[in-house]
PDB file of N, CA and C in Angstrom:
ATOM      1  N   MET A   1      29.220  29.367 -12.245  1.00  0.00           N
ATOM      2  CA  MET A   1      28.834  27.961 -12.283  1.00  0.00           C
ATOM      3  C   MET A   1      28.826  27.420 -10.862  1.00  0.00           C
ATOM      4  N   GLU A   2      27.808  26.653 -10.557  1.00  0.00           N
ATOM      5  CA  GLU A   2      27.682  26.126  -9.202  1.00  0.00           C
ATOM      6  C   GLU A   2      28.433  24.812  -9.029  1.00  0.00           C
ATOM      7  N   ARG A   3      28.860  24.608  -7.797  1.00  0.00           N
ATOM      8  CA  ARG A   3      29.523  23.339  -7.491  1.00  0.00           C
ATOM      9  C   ARG A   3      28.467  22.254  -7.333  1.00  0.00           C
ATOM     10  N   PRO A   4      28.721  21.058  -7.829  1.00  0.00           N
ATOM     11  CA  PRO A   4      27.711  20.003  -7.744  1.00  0.00           C
ATOM     12  C   PRO A   4      27.467  19.524  -6.314  1.00  0.00           C
ATOM     13  N   ASP A   5      28.411  19.776  -5.402  1.00  0.00           N
ATOM     14  CA  ASP A   5      28.245  19.288  -4.037  1.00  0.00           C
ATOM     15  C   ASP A   5      27.914  20.416  -3.062  1.00  0.00           C
ATOM     16  N   ASP A   6      27.325  21.495  -3.538  1.00  0.00           N
ATOM     17  CA  ASP A   6      26.985  22.638  -2.687  1.00  0.00           C
ATOM     18  C   ASP A   6      25.663  22.352  -1.974  1.00  0.00           C
ATOM     19  N   PRO A   7      25.697  22.054  -0.660  1.00  0.00           N
ATOM     20  CA  PRO A   7      24.474  21.691   0.052  1.00  0.00           C
ATOM     21  C   PRO A   7      23.469  22.836   0.140  1.00  0.00           C
ATOM     22  N   LEU A   8      23.930  24.066   0.216  1.00  0.00           N
ATOM     23  CA  LEU A   8      23.023  25.198   0.274  1.00  0.00           C
ATOM     24  C   LEU A   8      22.215  25.300  -1.014  1.00  0.00           C
ATOM     25  N   ARG A   9      22.907  25.146  -2.132  1.00  0.00           N
ATOM     26  CA  ARG A   9      22.235  25.214  -3.436  1.00  0.00           C
ATOM     27  C   ARG A   9      21.220  24.084  -3.586  1.00  0.00           C
ATOM     28  N   GLU A  10      21.596  22.899  -3.134  1.00  0.00           N
ATOM     29  CA  GLU A  10      20.680  21.750  -3.203  1.00  0.00           C
ATOM     30  C   GLU A  10      19.447  21.987  -2.332  1.00  0.00           C
ATOM     31  N   ALA A  11      19.648  22.579  -1.147  1.00  0.00           N
ATOM     32  CA  ALA A  11      18.520  22.889  -0.264  1.00  0.00           C
ATOM     33  C   ALA A  11      17.599  23.924  -0.912  1.00  0.00           C
ATOM     34  N   GLN A  12      18.203  24.921  -1.556  1.00  0.00           N
ATOM     35  CA  GLN A  12      17.404  25.926  -2.271  1.00  0.00           C
ATOM     36  C   GLN A  12      16.552  25.270  -3.347  1.00  0.00           C
ATOM     37  N   LYS A  13      17.167  24.428  -4.139  1.00  0.00           N
ATOM     38  CA  LYS A  13      16.433  23.761  -5.225  1.00  0.00           C
ATOM     39  C   LYS A  13      15.275  22.934  -4.681  1.00  0.00           C
ATOM     40  N   ALA A  14      15.544  22.194  -3.614  1.00  0.00           N
ATOM     41  CA  ALA A  14      14.490  21.363  -3.024  1.00  0.00           C
ATOM     42  C   ALA A  14      13.360  22.244  -2.497  1.00  0.00           C
ATOM     43  N   ALA A  15      13.713  23.332  -1.832  1.00  0.00           N
ATOM     44  CA  ALA A  15      12.695  24.232  -1.291  1.00  0.00           C
ATOM     45  C   ALA A  15      11.850  24.835  -2.408  1.00  0.00           C
ATOM     46  N   TYR A  16      12.492  25.288  -3.465  1.00  0.00           N
ATOM     47  CA  TYR A  16      11.760  25.872  -4.580  1.00  0.00           C
ATOM     48  C   TYR A  16      10.880  24.831  -5.271  1.00  0.00           C
ATOM     49  N   ARG A  17      11.394  23.610  -5.380  1.00  0.00           N
ATOM     50  CA  ARG A  17      10.630  22.528  -6.013  1.00  0.00           C
ATOM     51  C   ARG A  17       9.323  22.281  -5.272  1.00  0.00           C
ATOM     52  N   PHE A  18       9.332  22.446  -3.942  1.00  0.00           N
ATOM     53  CA  PHE A  18       8.134  22.211  -3.146  1.00  0.00           C
ATOM     54  C   PHE A  18       7.323  23.471  -2.901  1.00  0.00           C
ATOM     55  N   GLY A  19       7.651  24.557  -3.625  1.00  0.00           N
ATOM     56  CA  GLY A  19       6.806  25.742  -3.598  1.00  0.00           C
ATOM     57  C   GLY A  19       7.226  26.859  -2.672  1.00  0.00           C
ATOM     58  N   MET A  20       8.377  26.757  -2.047  1.00  0.00           N
ATOM     59  CA  MET A  20       8.846  27.828  -1.174  1.00  0.00           C
ATOM     60  C   MET A  20       9.372  28.973  -2.027  1.00  0.00           C
ATOM     61  N   THR A  21       9.109  30.196  -1.596  1.00  0.00           N
ATOM     62  CA  THR A  21       9.623  31.363  -2.317  1.00  0.00           C
ATOM     63  C   THR A  21      11.039  31.676  -1.823  1.00  0.00           C
ATOM     64  N   PRO A  22      11.810  32.442  -2.614  1.00  0.00           N
ATOM     65  CA  PRO A  22      13.155  32.815  -2.156  1.00  0.00           C
ATOM     66  C   PRO A  22      13.135  33.553  -0.809  1.00  0.00           C
ATOM     67  N   ASP A  23      12.164  34.453  -0.627  1.00  0.00           N
ATOM     68  CA  ASP A  23      12.069  35.171   0.648  1.00  0.00           C
ATOM     69  C   ASP A  23      11.872  34.200   1.813  1.00  0.00           C
ATOM     70  N   GLN A  24      10.977  33.236   1.630  1.00  0.00           N
ATOM     71  CA  GLN A  24      10.746  32.255   2.693  1.00  0.00           C
ATOM     72  C   GLN A  24      12.019  31.463   2.973  1.00  0.00           C
ATOM     73  N   PHE A  25      12.707  31.066   1.924  1.00  0.00           N
ATOM     74  CA  PHE A  25      13.919  30.271   2.099  1.00  0.00           C
ATOM     75  C   PHE A  25      14.953  31.008   2.939  1.00  0.00           C
ATOM     76  N   TRP A  26      15.175  32.276   2.639  1.00  0.00           N
ATOM     77  CA  TRP A  26      16.231  33.015   3.331  1.00  0.00           C
ATOM     78  C   TRP A  26      15.821  33.482   4.724  1.00  0.00           C
ATOM     79  N   LEU A  27      14.521  33.494   5.033  1.00  0.00           N
ATOM     80  CA  LEU A  27      14.076  33.884   6.372  1.00  0.00           C
ATOM     81  C   LEU A  27      14.125  32.726   7.373  1.00  0.00           C
ATOM     82  N   LEU A  28      14.120  31.491   6.875  1.00  0.00           N
ATOM     83  CA  LEU A  28      14.098  30.332   7.763  1.00  0.00           C
ATOM     84  C   LEU A  28      15.506  29.837   8.075  1.00  0.00           C
ATOM     85  N   THR A  29      15.628  29.195   9.227  1.00  0.00           N
ATOM     86  CA  THR A  29      16.898  28.547   9.559  1.00  0.00           C
ATOM     87  C   THR A  29      17.009  27.271   8.739  1.00  0.00           C
ATOM     88  N   PRO A  30      18.206  26.704   8.626  1.00  0.00           N
ATOM     89  CA  PRO A  30      18.330  25.438   7.895  1.00  0.00           C
ATOM     90  C   PRO A  30      17.422  24.339   8.466  1.00  0.00           C
ATOM     91  N   ASP A  31      17.301  24.278   9.793  1.00  0.00           N
ATOM     92  CA  ASP A  31      16.441  23.263  10.404  1.00  0.00           C
ATOM     93  C   ASP A  31      14.978  23.495  10.051  1.00  0.00           C
ATOM     94  N   GLU A  32      14.542  24.755  10.076  1.00  0.00           N
ATOM     95  CA  GLU A  32      13.157  25.079   9.712  1.00  0.00           C
ATOM     96  C   GLU A  32      12.902  24.761   8.239  1.00  0.00           C
ATOM     97  N   THR A  33      13.873  25.059   7.392  1.00  0.00           N
ATOM     98  CA  THR A  33      13.737  24.763   5.961  1.00  0.00           C
ATOM     99  C   THR A  33      13.609  23.263   5.741  1.00  0.00           C
ATOM    100  N   TYR A  34      14.471  22.496   6.414  1.00  0.00           N
ATOM    101  CA  TYR A  34      14.418  21.037   6.287  1.00  0.00           C
ATOM    102  C   TYR A  34      13.054  20.516   6.748  1.00  0.00           C
ATOM    103  N   CYS A  35      12.573  21.030   7.880  1.00  0.00           N
ATOM    104  CA  CYS A  35      11.266  20.607   8.399  1.00  0.00           C
ATOM    105  C   CYS A  35      10.155  20.945   7.403  1.00  0.00           C
ATOM    106  N   TRP A  36      10.226  22.137   6.805  1.00  0.00           N
ATOM    107  CA  TRP A  36       9.223  22.564   5.837  1.00  0.00           C
ATOM    108  C   TRP A  36       9.230  21.648   4.614  1.00  0.00           C
ATOM    109  N   ILE A  37      10.424  21.370   4.094  1.00  0.00           N
ATOM    110  CA  ILE A  37      10.548  20.498   2.924  1.00  0.00           C
ATOM    111  C   ILE A  37      10.027  19.101   3.241  1.00  0.00           C
ATOM    112  N   GLU A  38      10.410  18.582   4.400  1.00  0.00           N
ATOM    113  CA  GLU A  38       9.963  17.249   4.814  1.00  0.00           C
ATOM    114  C   GLU A  38       8.437  17.204   4.937  1.00  0.00           C
ATOM    115  N   SER A  39       7.844  18.252   5.497  1.00  0.00           N
ATOM    116  CA  SER A  39       6.389  18.310   5.640  1.00  0.00           C
ATOM    117  C   SER A  39       5.699  18.350   4.283  1.00  0.00           C
ATOM    118  N   ARG A  40       6.227  19.134   3.368  1.00  0.00           N
ATOM    119  CA  ARG A  40       5.639  19.200   2.023  1.00  0.00           C
ATOM    120  C   ARG A  40       5.762  17.855   1.314  1.00  0.00           C
ATOM    121  N   PHE A  41       6.903  17.179   1.505  1.00  0.00           N
ATOM    122  CA  PHE A  41       7.094  15.867   0.894  1.00  0.00           C
ATOM    123  C   PHE A  41       6.059  14.881   1.434  1.00  0.00           C
ATOM    124  N   GLU A  42       5.843  14.888   2.752  1.00  0.00           N
ATOM    125  CA  GLU A  42       4.846  14.000   3.357  1.00  0.00           C
ATOM    126  C   GLU A  42       3.442  14.340   2.856  1.00  0.00           C
ATOM    127  N   ALA A  43       3.148  15.624   2.682  1.00  0.00           N
ATOM    128  CA  ALA A  43       1.834  16.032   2.180  1.00  0.00           C
ATOM    129  C   ALA A  43       1.634  15.546   0.746  1.00  0.00           C
ATOM    130  N   GLU A  44       2.667  15.659  -0.074  1.00  0.00           N
ATOM    131  CA  GLU A  44       2.555  15.181  -1.455  1.00  0.00           C
ATOM    132  C   GLU A  44       2.407  13.670  -1.498  1.00  0.00           C
ATOM    133  N   LYS A  45       3.135  12.979  -0.638  1.00  0.00           N
ATOM    134  CA  LYS A  45       3.014  11.523  -0.583  1.00  0.00           C
ATOM    135  C   LYS A  45       1.594  11.131  -0.168  1.00  0.00           C
ATOM    136  N   SER A  46       1.034  11.860   0.768  1.00  0.00           N
ATOM    137  CA  SER A  46      -0.338  11.610   1.205  1.00  0.00           C
ATOM    138  C   SER A  46      -1.327  11.871   0.065  1.00  0.00           C
ATOM    139  N   ASP A  47      -1.087  12.934  -0.693  1.00  0.00           N
ATOM    140  CA  ASP A  47      -1.947  13.232  -1.848  1.00  0.00           C
ATOM    141  C   ASP A  47      -1.896  12.104  -2.875  1.00  0.00           C
ATOM    142  N   HIS A  48      -0.701  11.561  -3.125  1.00  0.00           N
ATOM    143  CA  HIS A  48      -0.567  10.462  -4.092  1.00  0.00           C
ATOM    144  C   HIS A  48      -1.313   9.221  -3.590  1.00  0.00           C
ATOM    145  N   ARG A  49      -1.215   8.946  -2.304  1.00  0.00           N
ATOM    146  CA  ARG A  49      -1.943   7.798  -1.736  1.00  0.00           C
ATOM    147  C   ARG A  49      -3.455   8.004  -1.871  1.00  0.00           C
ATOM    148  N   GLU A  50      -3.896   9.211  -1.608  1.00  0.00           N
ATOM    149  CA  GLU A  50      -5.322   9.516  -1.709  1.00  0.00           C
ATOM    150  C   GLU A  50      -5.802   9.365  -3.152  1.00  0.00           C
ATOM    151  N   ASN A  51      -5.003   9.831  -4.107  1.00  0.00           N
ATOM    152  CA  ASN A  51      -5.373   9.693  -5.519  1.00  0.00           C
ATOM    153  C   ASN A  51      -5.400   8.230  -5.946  1.00  0.00           C
ATOM    154  N   ALA A  52      -4.463   7.434  -5.453  1.00  0.00           N
ATOM    155  CA  ALA A  52      -4.462   5.999  -5.776  1.00  0.00           C
ATOM    156  C   ALA A  52      -5.693   5.324  -5.190  1.00  0.00           C
ATOM    157  N   TRP A  53      -6.046   5.689  -3.959  1.00  0.00           N
ATOM    158  CA  TRP A  53      -7.244   5.140  -3.311  1.00  0.00           C
ATOM    159  C   TRP A  53      -8.479   5.492  -4.124  1.00  0.00           C
ATOM    160  N   LEU A  54      -8.564   6.744  -4.556  1.00  0.00           N
ATOM    161  CA  LEU A  54      -9.698   7.206  -5.350  1.00  0.00           C
ATOM    162  C   LEU A  54      -9.780   6.459  -6.683  1.00  0.00           C
ATOM    163  N   ALA A  55      -8.654   6.329  -7.382  1.00  0.00           N
ATOM    164  CA  ALA A  55      -8.641   5.633  -8.671  1.00  0.00           C
ATOM    165  C   ALA A  55      -9.048   4.172  -8.495  1.00  0.00           C
ATOM    166  N   TRP A  56      -8.573   3.540  -7.431  1.00  0.00           N
ATOM    167  CA  TRP A  56      -8.921   2.136  -7.182  1.00  0.00           C
ATOM    168  C   TRP A  56     -10.418   1.997  -6.973  1.00  0.00           C
ATOM    169  N   HIS A  57     -11.008   2.889  -6.179  1.00  0.00           N
ATOM    170  CA  HIS A  57     -12.442   2.799  -5.920  1.00  0.00           C
ATOM    171  C   HIS A  57     -13.275   3.122  -7.161  1.00  0.00           C
ATOM    172  N   ILE A  58     -12.811   4.053  -7.953  1.00  0.00           N
ATOM    173  CA  ILE A  58     -13.530   4.348  -9.203  1.00  0.00           C
ATOM    174  C   ILE A  58     -13.543   3.105 -10.083  1.00  0.00           C
ATOM    175  N   ALA A  59     -12.392   2.436 -10.195  1.00  0.00           N
ATOM    176  CA  ALA A  59     -12.319   1.214 -11.005  1.00  0.00           C
ATOM    177  C   ALA A  59     -13.227   0.127 -10.430  1.00  0.00           C
ATOM    178  N   CYS A  60     -13.226  -0.014  -9.109  1.00  0.00           N
ATOM    179  CA  CYS A  60     -14.084  -1.040  -8.488  1.00  0.00           C
ATOM    180  C   CYS A  60     -15.562  -0.751  -8.716  1.00  0.00           C
ATOM    181  N   PHE A  61     -15.952   0.496  -8.473  1.00  0.00           N
ATOM    182  CA  PHE A  61     -17.359   0.846  -8.635  1.00  0.00           C
ATOM    183  C   PHE A  61     -17.802   0.750 -10.089  1.00  0.00           C
ATOM    184  N   SER A  62     -16.887   1.009 -11.030  1.00  0.00           N
ATOM    185  CA  SER A  62     -17.270   0.939 -12.439  1.00  0.00           C
ATOM    186  C   SER A  62     -17.555  -0.501 -12.865  1.00  0.00           C
ATOM    187  N   ARG A  63     -17.055  -1.474 -12.113  1.00  0.00           N
ATOM    188  CA  ARG A  63     -17.293  -2.879 -12.432  1.00  0.00           C
ATOM    189  C   ARG A  63     -18.558  -3.432 -11.769  1.00  0.00           C
ATOM    190  N   GLN A  64     -19.155  -2.671 -10.874  1.00  0.00           N
ATOM    191  CA  GLN A  64     -20.338  -3.139 -10.149  1.00  0.00           C
ATOM    192  C   GLN A  64     -21.572  -3.068 -11.047  1.00  0.00           C
ATOM    193  N   LYS A  65     -22.400  -4.108 -10.968  1.00  0.00           N
ATOM    194  CA  LYS A  65     -23.668  -4.053 -11.693  1.00  0.00           C
ATOM    195  C   LYS A  65     -24.623  -3.120 -10.969  1.00  0.00           C
ATOM    196  N   ARG A  66     -24.513  -3.140  -9.636  1.00  0.00           N
ATOM    197  CA  ARG A  66     -25.383  -2.288  -8.832  1.00  0.00           C
ATOM    198  C   ARG A  66     -24.528  -1.641  -7.747  1.00  0.00           C
ATOM    199  N   LEU A  67     -24.518  -0.325  -7.720  1.00  0.00           N
ATOM    200  CA  LEU A  67     -23.691   0.406  -6.747  1.00  0.00           C
ATOM    201  C   LEU A  67     -24.326   0.366  -5.359  1.00  0.00           C
ATOM    202  N   PRO A  68     -23.496   0.273  -4.321  1.00  0.00           N
ATOM    203  CA  PRO A  68     -24.038   0.408  -2.966  1.00  0.00           C
ATOM    204  C   PRO A  68     -24.458   1.862  -2.755  1.00  0.00           C
ATOM    205  N   SER A  69     -25.320   2.090  -1.799  1.00  0.00           N
ATOM    206  CA  SER A  69     -25.750   3.471  -1.547  1.00  0.00           C
ATOM    207  C   SER A  69     -24.568   4.288  -1.029  1.00  0.00           C
ATOM    208  N   LEU A  70     -24.585   5.553  -1.360  1.00  0.00           N
ATOM    209  CA  LEU A  70     -23.515   6.436  -0.901  1.00  0.00           C
ATOM    210  C   LEU A  70     -23.498   6.484   0.625  1.00  0.00           C
ATOM    211  N   GLN A  71     -24.662   6.436   1.232  1.00  0.00           N
ATOM    212  CA  GLN A  71     -24.754   6.482   2.692  1.00  0.00           C
ATOM    213  C   GLN A  71     -24.040   5.285   3.321  1.00  0.00           C
ATOM    214  N   SER A  72     -24.178   4.086   2.734  1.00  0.00           N
ATOM    215  CA  SER A  72     -23.511   2.919   3.308  1.00  0.00           C
ATOM    216  C   SER A  72     -21.998   2.987   3.121  1.00  0.00           C
ATOM    217  N   VAL A  73     -21.559   3.532   1.984  1.00  0.00           N
ATOM    218  CA  VAL A  73     -20.121   3.672   1.741  1.00  0.00           C
ATOM    219  C   VAL A  73     -19.531   4.700   2.701  1.00  0.00           C
ATOM    220  N   MET A  74     -20.179   5.837   2.846  1.00  0.00           N
ATOM    221  CA  MET A  74     -19.686   6.887   3.737  1.00  0.00           C
ATOM    222  C   MET A  74     -19.737   6.434   5.192  1.00  0.00           C
ATOM    223  N   GLY A  75     -20.738   5.643   5.542  1.00  0.00           N
ATOM    224  CA  GLY A  75     -20.846   5.135   6.914  1.00  0.00           C
ATOM    225  C   GLY A  75     -19.649   4.273   7.278  1.00  0.00           C
ATOM    226  N   LYS A  76     -19.150   3.493   6.325  1.00  0.00           N
ATOM    227  CA  LYS A  76     -17.972   2.653   6.586  1.00  0.00           C
ATOM    228  C   LYS A  76     -16.725   3.499   6.784  1.00  0.00           C
ATOM    229  N   LEU A  77     -16.646   4.635   6.093  1.00  0.00           N
ATOM    230  CA  LEU A  77     -15.493   5.518   6.258  1.00  0.00           C
ATOM    231  C   LEU A  77     -15.505   6.203   7.624  1.00  0.00           C
ATOM    232  N   ASP A  78     -16.703   6.538   8.105  1.00  0.00           N
ATOM    233  CA  ASP A  78     -16.824   7.261   9.371  1.00  0.00           C
ATOM    234  C   ASP A  78     -16.771   6.349  10.588  1.00  0.00           C
ATOM    235  N   LYS A  79     -16.886   5.051  10.368  1.00  0.00           N
ATOM    236  CA  LYS A  79     -16.926   4.097  11.477  1.00  0.00           C
ATOM    237  C   LYS A  79     -15.598   4.111  12.233  1.00  0.00           C
ATOM    238  N   LYS A  80     -15.684   4.241  13.543  1.00  0.00           N
ATOM    239  CA  LYS A  80     -14.470   4.237  14.362  1.00  0.00           C
ATOM    240  C   LYS A  80     -14.166   2.808  14.771  1.00  0.00           C
ATOM    241  N   HIS A  81     -12.897   2.454  14.668  1.00  0.00           N
ATOM    242  CA  HIS A  81     -12.464   1.122  15.058  1.00  0.00           C
ATOM    243  C   HIS A  81     -11.962   1.179  16.498  1.00  0.00           C
ATOM    244  N   PRO A  82     -12.471   0.290  17.350  1.00  0.00           N
ATOM    245  CA  PRO A  82     -12.032   0.330  18.746  1.00  0.00           C
ATOM    246  C   PRO A  82     -10.567  -0.061  18.876  1.00  0.00           C
ATOM    247  N   LYS A  83      -9.886   0.605  19.810  1.00  0.00           N
ATOM    248  CA  LYS A  83      -8.490   0.277  20.067  1.00  0.00           C
ATOM    249  C   LYS A  83      -8.436  -1.004  20.894  1.00  0.00           C
ATOM    250  N   ALA A  84      -7.380  -1.763  20.665  1.00  0.00           N
ATOM    251  CA  ALA A  84      -7.198  -2.988  21.444  1.00  0.00           C
ATOM    252  C   ALA A  84      -6.915  -2.597  22.890  1.00  0.00           C
ATOM    253  N   ARG A  85      -7.565  -3.275  23.813  1.00  0.00           N
ATOM    254  CA  ARG A  85      -7.367  -2.985  25.234  1.00  0.00           C
ATOM    255  C   ARG A  85      -6.095  -3.648  25.733  1.00  0.00           C
ATOM    256  N   GLN A  86      -5.430  -2.993  26.666  1.00  0.00           N
ATOM    257  CA  GLN A  86      -4.238  -3.566  27.276  1.00  0.00           C
ATOM    258  C   GLN A  86      -4.658  -4.613  28.300  1.00  0.00           C
ATOM    259  N   THR A  87      -3.859  -5.648  28.370  1.00  0.00           N
ATOM    260  CA  THR A  87      -4.083  -6.654  29.408  1.00  0.00           C
ATOM    261  C   THR A  87      -3.559  -6.087  30.727  1.00  0.00           C
ATOM    262  N   PRO A  88      -3.994  -6.637  31.863  1.00  0.00           N
ATOM    263  CA  PRO A  88      -3.465  -6.176  33.146  1.00  0.00           C
ATOM    264  C   PRO A  88      -1.940  -6.299  33.219  1.00  0.00           C
ATOM    265  N   GLU A  89      -1.383  -7.342  32.621  1.00  0.00           N
ATOM    266  CA  GLU A  89       0.065  -7.524  32.624  1.00  0.00           C
ATOM    267  C   GLU A  89       0.759  -6.420  31.825  1.00  0.00           C
ATOM    268  N   GLU A  90       0.157  -6.040  30.676  1.00  0.00           N
ATOM    269  CA  GLU A  90       0.732  -4.964  29.871  1.00  0.00           C
ATOM    270  C   GLU A  90       0.665  -3.626  30.616  1.00  0.00           C
ATOM    271  N   MET A  91      -0.447  -3.386  31.328  1.00  0.00           N
ATOM    272  CA  MET A  91      -0.573  -2.158  32.108  1.00  0.00           C
ATOM    273  C   MET A  91       0.478  -2.097  33.213  1.00  0.00           C
ATOM    274  N   LEU A  92       0.671  -3.221  33.913  1.00  0.00           N
ATOM    275  CA  LEU A  92       1.673  -3.276  34.974  1.00  0.00           C
ATOM    276  C   LEU A  92       3.065  -3.019  34.416  1.00  0.00           C
ATOM    277  N   ARG A  93       3.384  -3.653  33.309  1.00  0.00           N
ATOM    278  CA  ARG A  93       4.707  -3.482  32.698  1.00  0.00           C
ATOM    279  C   ARG A  93       4.926  -2.022  32.284  1.00  0.00           C
ATOM    280  N   MET A  94       3.892  -1.378  31.732  1.00  0.00           N
ATOM    281  CA  MET A  94       4.005   0.028  31.330  1.00  0.00           C
ATOM    282  C   MET A  94       4.219   0.913  32.557  1.00  0.00           C
ATOM    283  N   ALA A  95       3.518   0.638  33.650  1.00  0.00           N
ATOM    284  CA  ALA A  95       3.709   1.409  34.884  1.00  0.00           C
ATOM    285  C   ALA A  95       5.130   1.233  35.403  1.00  0.00           C
ATOM    286  N   GLU A  96       5.673   0.019  35.306  1.00  0.00           N
ATOM    287  CA  GLU A  96       7.048  -0.239  35.740  1.00  0.00           C
ATOM    288  C   GLU A  96       8.049   0.540  34.886  1.00  0.00           C
ATOM    289  N   VAL A  97       7.819   0.575  33.587  1.00  0.00           N
ATOM    290  CA  VAL A  97       8.711   1.298  32.676  1.00  0.00           C
ATOM    291  C   VAL A  97       8.685   2.797  32.976  1.00  0.00           C
ATOM    292  N   ILE A  98       7.482   3.342  33.182  1.00  0.00           N
ATOM    293  CA  ILE A  98       7.354   4.771  33.486  1.00  0.00           C
ATOM    294  C   ILE A  98       8.027   5.088  34.821  1.00  0.00           C
ATOM    295  N   ASN A  99       7.787   4.231  35.825  1.00  0.00           N
ATOM    296  CA  ASN A  99       8.408   4.408  37.135  1.00  0.00           C
ATOM    297  C   ASN A  99       9.929   4.438  37.013  1.00  0.00           C
ATOM    298  N   LEU A 100      10.477   3.496  36.263  1.00  0.00           N
ATOM    299  CA  LEU A 100      11.931   3.426  36.074  1.00  0.00           C
ATOM    300  C   LEU A 100      12.452   4.660  35.327  1.00  0.00           C
ATOM    301  N   ALA A 101      11.723   5.071  34.287  1.00  0.00           N
ATOM    302  CA  ALA A 101      12.146   6.227  33.489  1.00  0.00           C
ATOM    303  C   ALA A 101      12.158   7.512  34.316  1.00  0.00           C
ATOM    304  N   LEU A 102      11.262   7.594  35.305  1.00  0.00           N
ATOM    305  CA  LEU A 102      11.190   8.794  36.135  1.00  0.00           C
ATOM    306  C   LEU A 102      12.062   8.701  37.382  1.00  0.00           C
ATOM    307  N   GLY A 103      12.887   7.639  37.450  1.00  0.00           N
ATOM    308  CA  GLY A 103      13.821   7.504  38.560  1.00  0.00           C
ATOM    309  C   GLY A 103      13.216   6.905  39.808  1.00  0.00           C
ATOM    310  N   GLY A 104      12.052   6.311  39.699  1.00  0.00           N
ATOM    311  CA  GLY A 104      11.399   5.705  40.859  1.00  0.00           C
ATOM    312  C   GLY A 104      12.009   4.361  41.211  1.00  0.00           C
ATOM    313  N   THR A 105      11.586   3.841  42.336  1.00  0.00           N
ATOM    314  CA  THR A 105      12.039   2.523  42.769  1.00  0.00           C
ATOM    315  C   THR A 105      10.836   1.628  42.979  1.00  0.00           C
ATOM    316  N   ASP A 106      11.076   0.328  42.931  1.00  0.00           N
ATOM    317  CA  ASP A 106      10.013  -0.650  43.134  1.00  0.00           C
ATOM    318  C   ASP A 106       9.898  -0.906  44.633  1.00  0.00           C
ATOM    319  N   ILE A 107       8.785  -0.505  45.247  1.00  0.00           N
ATOM    320  CA  ILE A 107       8.633  -0.658  46.687  1.00  0.00           C
ATOM    321  C   ILE A 107       7.765  -1.856  47.059  1.00  0.00           C
ATOM    322  N   ARG A 108       7.445  -2.667  46.067  1.00  0.00           N
ATOM    323  CA  ARG A 108       6.647  -3.863  46.361  1.00  0.00           C
ATOM    324  C   ARG A 108       7.468  -4.822  47.206  1.00  0.00           C
ATOM    325  N   LYS A 109       6.790  -5.593  48.012  1.00  0.00           N
ATOM    326  CA  LYS A 109       7.462  -6.518  48.929  1.00  0.00           C
ATOM    327  C   LYS A 109       7.545  -7.924  48.352  1.00  0.00           C
ATOM    328  N   LYS A 110       7.429  -8.067  47.032  1.00  0.00           N
ATOM    329  CA  LYS A 110       7.479  -9.387  46.393  1.00  0.00           C
ATOM    330  C   LYS A 110       8.878  -9.951  46.468  1.00  0.00           C
ATOM    331  N   LYS A 111       8.964 -11.213  46.817  1.00  0.00           N
ATOM    332  CA  LYS A 111      10.237 -11.932  46.756  1.00  0.00           C
ATOM    333  C   LYS A 111       9.922 -13.316  46.184  1.00  0.00           C
ATOM    334  N   THR A 112      10.828 -13.798  45.381  1.00  0.00           N
ATOM    335  CA  THR A 112      10.680 -15.129  44.808  1.00  0.00           C
ATOM    336  C   THR A 112      11.846 -15.985  45.261  1.00  0.00           C
ATOM    337  N   LYS A 113      11.557 -17.015  46.028  1.00  0.00           N
ATOM    338  CA  LYS A 113      12.577 -17.942  46.526  1.00  0.00           C
ATOM    339  C   LYS A 113      13.747 -17.203  47.166  1.00  0.00           C
ATOM    340  N   GLY A 114      13.435 -16.206  47.993  1.00  0.00           N
ATOM    341  CA  GLY A 114      14.482 -15.502  48.693  1.00  0.00           C
ATOM    342  C   GLY A 114      15.241 -14.495  47.868  1.00  0.00           C
ATOM    343  N   VAL A 115      14.833 -14.235  46.607  1.00  0.00           N
ATOM    344  CA  VAL A 115      15.504 -13.295  45.724  1.00  0.00           C
ATOM    345  C   VAL A 115      14.504 -12.241  45.290  1.00  0.00           C
ATOM    346  N   ASP A 116      14.934 -10.982  45.200  1.00  0.00           N
ATOM    347  CA  ASP A 116      14.037  -9.938  44.708  1.00  0.00           C
ATOM    348  C   ASP A 116      13.539 -10.281  43.328  1.00  0.00           C
ATOM    349  N   SER A 117      12.347  -9.800  43.005  1.00  0.00           N
ATOM    350  CA  SER A 117      11.760 -10.120  41.707  1.00  0.00           C
ATOM    351  C   SER A 117      12.520  -9.493  40.551  1.00  0.00           C
ATOM    352  N   GLY A 118      13.355  -8.482  40.833  1.00  0.00           N
ATOM    353  CA  GLY A 118      14.158  -7.877  39.761  1.00  0.00           C
ATOM    354  C   GLY A 118      13.398  -6.932  38.886  1.00  0.00           C
ATOM    355  N   VAL A 119      12.230  -6.496  39.351  1.00  0.00           N
ATOM    356  CA  VAL A 119      11.405  -5.594  38.557  1.00  0.00           C
ATOM    357  C   VAL A 119      11.821  -4.180  38.750  1.00  0.00           C
TER     358      VAL A 119
END
């Protein structure tokens, strides 16, 4: 009889539930097994979202008196949305953060009222 708090047994069950074979389970490290299980969980969650999206669109299209052309529907899916551009201030701030993270110093000669800008 297994102990209810046996983490190895629980990991085995989770791995098998997501389709891993016993051989795969015993060949992987615990970290690799956890990563595999997490990836399968995310894939299943994505599949459920995709199925919900599909069911919603089927219901919507079934209510239409006249369907839009498939080409217009597919064109909307393929359309790329432009990324928001950074403002000059945001770019400067990002450069300052990277400089600081890499151990750099601020060599600008800016001073405000006799005090360094503190950047």
